[in-house]
Amino acid sequence: MLKNTITGILILSCSGCVLLEKKDPIPVIDPADAEVPVLLMPTATAISAAECAGDMELPVELSRKFTAVSDPELLAQSIGDANEGKLCQGQVYVAKQNTQVMLFRGWNASNPASEFGEWWALKSPRGQIAQYRSDYQICYQWSPLDKMTLCSLKAGAKVVIGTGQSATCSSYLDYPSSAKKQVYLVNANADLFDCSSYNAEFNWTPIISN
């Protein structure tokens, strides 16, 4: 699943076209965006899309940095059944040239090999750890989240971006599906560069009773 500092966020979206009697003004298009039109391909879901939390639209700042493509096999790898984790719904994208996309991953310091795993976030981990686990369906037995790595995504890299599937961690802990966008990246070692790693530290916040 996924993972403090830095800014630069990202994601993508696209809308269907509607014919209007009155034409809208023609927008100015960045040459980098004119190479390939961003059209959403059909998405795959483990269950009905209506049962997945959130939507498939990317933030505006990210939508211009990706091109939607079709890769049913890669998409299927990222989709999980209910209570299994992974994605509930997703879309395959390719990172455009001349853009900067930052990805974040929280991982397990006792397992160095987990630094470049398959699951990443588009935002830096913040706030309560328990809430972060719930947002990204990260069971306690999967990772203590005591390390974070921040990397840039290479142009041409193929990823799946979608919302999280529900996960069952134990007989007393379940995470529901989440609207938070996650990134599935199969070849993290090859598709990421300029990485920085960070240690988690204790930071206790007083509990205010109402």
Protein backbone atom coordinates (compact mmCIF):
# COMPACT_ATOMS: atom_id res chain seq x y z
CA MET A 1 0.00 0.00 0.00
CA LEU A 2 1.51 3.62 0.41
CA LYS A 3 3.36 6.88 2.03
CA ASN A 4 6.54 13.58 4.39
CA THR A 5 7.48 16.71 3.22
CA ILE A 6 7.57 18.40 -0.10
CA THR A 7 4.70 19.53 -2.25
CA GLY A 8 3.70 18.86 -5.73
CA ILE A 9 0.61 16.85 -6.29
CA LEU A 10 -0.94 15.34 -9.17
CA ILE A 11 -3.58 13.42 -10.94
CA LEU A 12 -5.85 13.28 -13.90
CA SER A 13 -9.32 13.47 -15.19
CA CYS A 14 -11.36 13.83 -18.29
CA SER A 15 -14.91 14.50 -19.21
CA GLY A 16 -17.14 13.24 -21.97
CA CYS A 17 -17.91 15.62 -24.80
CA VAL A 18 -21.35 17.22 -25.18
CA LEU A 19 -22.58 18.97 -28.32
CA LEU A 20 -23.83 22.49 -27.55
CA GLU A 21 -25.76 24.81 -29.83
CA LYS A 22 -23.63 27.68 -28.64
CA LYS A 23 -19.92 27.09 -29.10
CA ASP A 24 -17.60 27.79 -26.21
CA PRO A 25 -14.42 29.84 -26.72
CA ILE A 26 -11.50 27.76 -27.98
CA PRO A 27 -9.08 27.23 -25.06
CA VAL A 28 -5.35 27.84 -25.34
CA ILE A 29 -3.65 24.43 -25.28
CA ASP A 30 -0.15 23.82 -23.97
CA PRO A 31 1.93 22.18 -26.75
CA ALA A 32 2.94 19.44 -24.31
CA ASP A 33 -0.72 18.57 -23.84
CA ALA A 34 -1.57 18.66 -27.54
CA GLU A 35 0.47 15.56 -28.39
CA VAL A 36 -2.13 13.05 -27.23
CA PRO A 37 -5.75 13.75 -26.25
CA VAL A 38 -6.59 12.63 -22.72
CA LEU A 39 -9.56 10.28 -23.07
CA LEU A 40 -10.62 7.98 -20.28
CA MET A 41 -10.74 4.33 -21.29
CA PRO A 42 -13.29 1.95 -19.77
CA THR A 43 -12.37 1.17 -16.18
CA ALA A 44 -12.37 -2.22 -14.52
CA THR A 45 -13.78 -2.86 -11.07
CA ALA A 46 -13.89 -5.89 -8.82
CA ILE A 47 -17.45 -4.93 -7.91
CA SER A 48 -19.95 -2.48 -9.32
CA ALA A 49 -18.43 1.00 -9.65
CA ALA A 50 -21.41 2.29 -7.68
CA GLU A 51 -20.09 0.38 -4.66
CA CYS A 52 -16.64 2.01 -4.84
CA ALA A 53 -16.01 5.16 -2.81
CA GLY A 54 -15.15 8.34 -4.64
CA ASP A 55 -14.82 8.96 -8.36
CA MET A 56 -12.24 8.49 -11.10
CA GLU A 57 -11.51 12.16 -11.79
CA LEU A 58 -7.97 13.38 -11.27
CA PRO A 59 -7.18 16.73 -9.67
CA VAL A 60 -6.79 19.48 -12.29
CA GLU A 61 -3.09 19.85 -11.53
CA LEU A 62 -2.57 16.20 -12.43
CA SER A 63 -4.99 15.75 -15.29
CA ARG A 64 -2.66 17.50 -17.73
CA LYS A 65 0.30 15.33 -16.79
CA PHE A 66 -1.10 11.96 -17.86
CA THR A 67 -2.55 10.30 -20.95
CA ALA A 68 -5.23 7.65 -20.41
CA VAL A 69 -4.46 4.38 -22.20
CA SER A 70 -5.92 0.88 -22.42
CA ASP A 71 -4.06 -2.00 -20.72
CA PRO A 72 -6.62 -4.55 -19.45
CA GLU A 73 -3.94 -6.87 -18.04
CA LEU A 74 -2.24 -4.20 -15.94
CA LEU A 75 -5.60 -2.85 -14.79
CA ALA A 76 -6.73 -6.32 -13.71
CA GLN A 77 -3.56 -6.75 -11.62
CA SER A 78 -4.40 -3.61 -9.64
CA ILE A 79 -8.05 -4.41 -8.90
CA GLY A 80 -8.90 -6.37 -5.73
CA ASP A 81 -11.98 -8.20 -4.53
CA ALA A 82 -13.91 -6.76 -1.59
CA ASN A 83 -11.92 -6.94 1.70
CA GLU A 84 -8.73 -7.77 -0.22
CA GLY A 85 -7.27 -4.29 -0.52
CA LYS A 86 -5.71 -3.06 -3.81
CA LEU A 87 -7.97 -0.83 -5.97
CA CYS A 88 -11.74 -0.85 -6.21
CA GLN A 89 -11.74 1.02 -9.52
CA GLY A 90 -8.90 2.29 -11.68
CA GLN A 91 -7.62 3.74 -14.95
CA VAL A 92 -4.28 3.12 -16.66
CA TYR A 93 -2.22 6.19 -17.53
CA VAL A 94 1.13 7.09 -19.06
CA ALA A 95 3.10 10.05 -17.65
CA LYS A 96 3.61 12.78 -20.26
CA GLN A 97 6.91 14.34 -21.29
CA ASN A 98 8.10 17.55 -19.62
CA THR A 99 5.94 17.14 -16.52
CA GLN A 100 6.76 16.52 -12.85
CA VAL A 101 4.80 13.96 -10.87
CA MET A 102 5.79 13.26 -7.27
CA LEU A 103 4.89 9.95 -5.60
CA PHE A 104 5.05 9.05 -1.89
CA ARG A 105 5.36 5.67 -0.20
CA GLY A 106 5.32 4.72 3.49
CA TRP A 107 7.17 1.46 4.06
CA ASN A 108 8.76 -0.97 6.51
CA ALA A 109 12.32 -0.10 7.63
CA SER A 110 12.95 -3.69 8.75
CA ASN A 111 12.46 -4.81 5.13
CA PRO A 112 14.59 -2.59 2.84
CA ALA A 113 13.22 -4.41 -0.20
CA SER A 114 9.80 -2.90 0.52
CA GLU A 115 10.97 0.65 -0.23
CA PHE A 116 10.14 0.35 -3.93
CA GLY A 117 6.93 -1.62 -3.68
CA GLU A 118 3.91 -1.39 -5.98
CA TRP A 119 1.66 0.96 -3.99
CA TRP A 120 2.20 4.75 -3.86
CA ALA A 121 0.29 7.90 -2.93
CA LEU A 122 -0.03 11.25 -4.67
CA LYS A 123 0.21 13.17 -1.39
CA SER A 124 2.65 13.18 1.50
CA PRO A 125 1.48 11.25 4.61
CA ARG A 126 0.12 13.69 7.19
CA GLY A 127 -2.06 13.65 10.29
CA GLN A 128 -2.88 10.60 12.39
CA ILE A 129 -1.27 7.32 11.37
CA ALA A 130 -4.48 5.42 12.08
CA GLN A 131 -6.41 7.65 9.67
CA TYR A 132 -3.72 7.24 7.01
CA ARG A 133 -4.00 3.47 7.31
CA SER A 134 -7.75 3.71 6.87
CA ASP A 135 -7.48 6.10 3.91
CA TYR A 136 -5.10 3.77 2.06
CA GLN A 137 -6.13 0.37 3.51
CA ILE A 138 -2.72 -0.42 5.05
CA CYS A 139 -3.08 -3.21 7.62
CA TYR A 140 -0.78 -3.05 10.66
CA GLN A 141 0.76 -6.43 9.80
CA TRP A 142 1.72 -5.21 6.34
CA SER A 143 3.86 -2.27 7.44
CA PRO A 144 4.68 -0.17 10.53
CA LEU A 145 4.99 2.86 8.21
CA ASP A 146 8.25 3.93 9.86
CA LYS A 147 9.93 5.08 6.64
CA MET A 148 8.78 7.27 3.76
CA THR A 149 10.25 7.63 0.28
CA LEU A 150 9.52 10.49 -2.12
CA CYS A 151 10.32 10.08 -5.82
CA SER A 152 9.69 11.64 -9.22
CA LEU A 153 7.89 9.58 -11.88
CA LYS A 154 9.68 9.21 -15.21
CA ALA A 155 8.01 10.36 -18.41
CA GLY A 156 6.55 7.39 -20.26
CA ALA A 157 6.01 5.38 -17.07
CA LYS A 158 2.74 3.45 -17.00
CA VAL A 159 0.66 3.46 -13.81
CA VAL A 160 -2.84 2.67 -12.60
CA ILE A 161 -4.58 5.36 -10.56
CA GLY A 162 -7.79 4.63 -8.71
CA THR A 163 -9.65 4.51 -5.41
CA GLY A 164 -8.97 1.94 -2.68
CA GLN A 165 -10.78 -1.35 -2.19
CA SER A 166 -11.92 -2.44 1.27
CA ALA A 167 -9.53 -4.57 3.35
CA THR A 168 -9.88 -7.02 6.23
CA CYS A 169 -6.83 -6.98 8.50
CA SER A 170 -8.10 -9.24 11.30
CA SER A 171 -11.25 -10.41 13.01
CA TYR A 172 -11.53 -7.01 14.74
CA LEU A 173 -10.20 -4.61 12.09
CA ASP A 174 -11.72 -3.82 8.70
CA TYR A 175 -11.11 -0.85 6.44
CA PRO A 176 -13.92 0.27 4.11
CA SER A 177 -13.32 1.28 0.50
CA SER A 178 -11.80 4.76 0.27
CA ALA A 179 -12.14 7.76 -2.05
CA LYS A 180 -8.42 8.51 -1.72
CA LYS A 181 -6.51 8.07 -4.98
CA GLN A 182 -3.75 5.45 -4.97
CA VAL A 183 -1.09 4.66 -7.56
CA TYR A 184 -0.20 1.14 -8.65
CA LEU A 185 3.32 0.99 -10.12
CA VAL A 186 4.74 -2.38 -11.16
CA ASN A 187 8.31 -1.31 -11.99
CA ALA A 188 9.04 1.26 -9.29
CA ASN A 189 12.81 0.74 -9.43
CA ALA A 190 12.88 1.51 -13.15
CA ASP A 191 10.11 4.13 -13.35
CA LEU A 192 11.14 6.40 -10.45
CA PHE A 193 14.13 8.72 -9.99
CA ASP A 194 15.49 11.46 -7.75
CA CYS A 195 14.28 9.69 -4.60
CA SER A 196 14.65 10.86 -1.00
CA SER A 197 13.92 8.81 2.13
CA TYR A 198 12.70 9.96 5.55
CA ASN A 199 12.47 8.43 9.03
CA ALA A 200 9.28 8.48 11.07
CA GLU A 201 9.59 10.10 14.52
CA PHE A 202 7.32 10.23 17.56
CA ASN A 203 5.09 13.31 17.51
CA TRP A 204 2.42 13.23 20.19
CA THR A 205 -0.61 15.52 19.95
CA PRO A 206 -2.75 16.15 23.07
CA ILE A 207 -6.27 14.71 22.99
CA ILE A 208 -8.82 17.45 23.62
CA SER A 209 -11.94 16.27 25.44
CA ASN A 210 -15.18 18.01 24.55
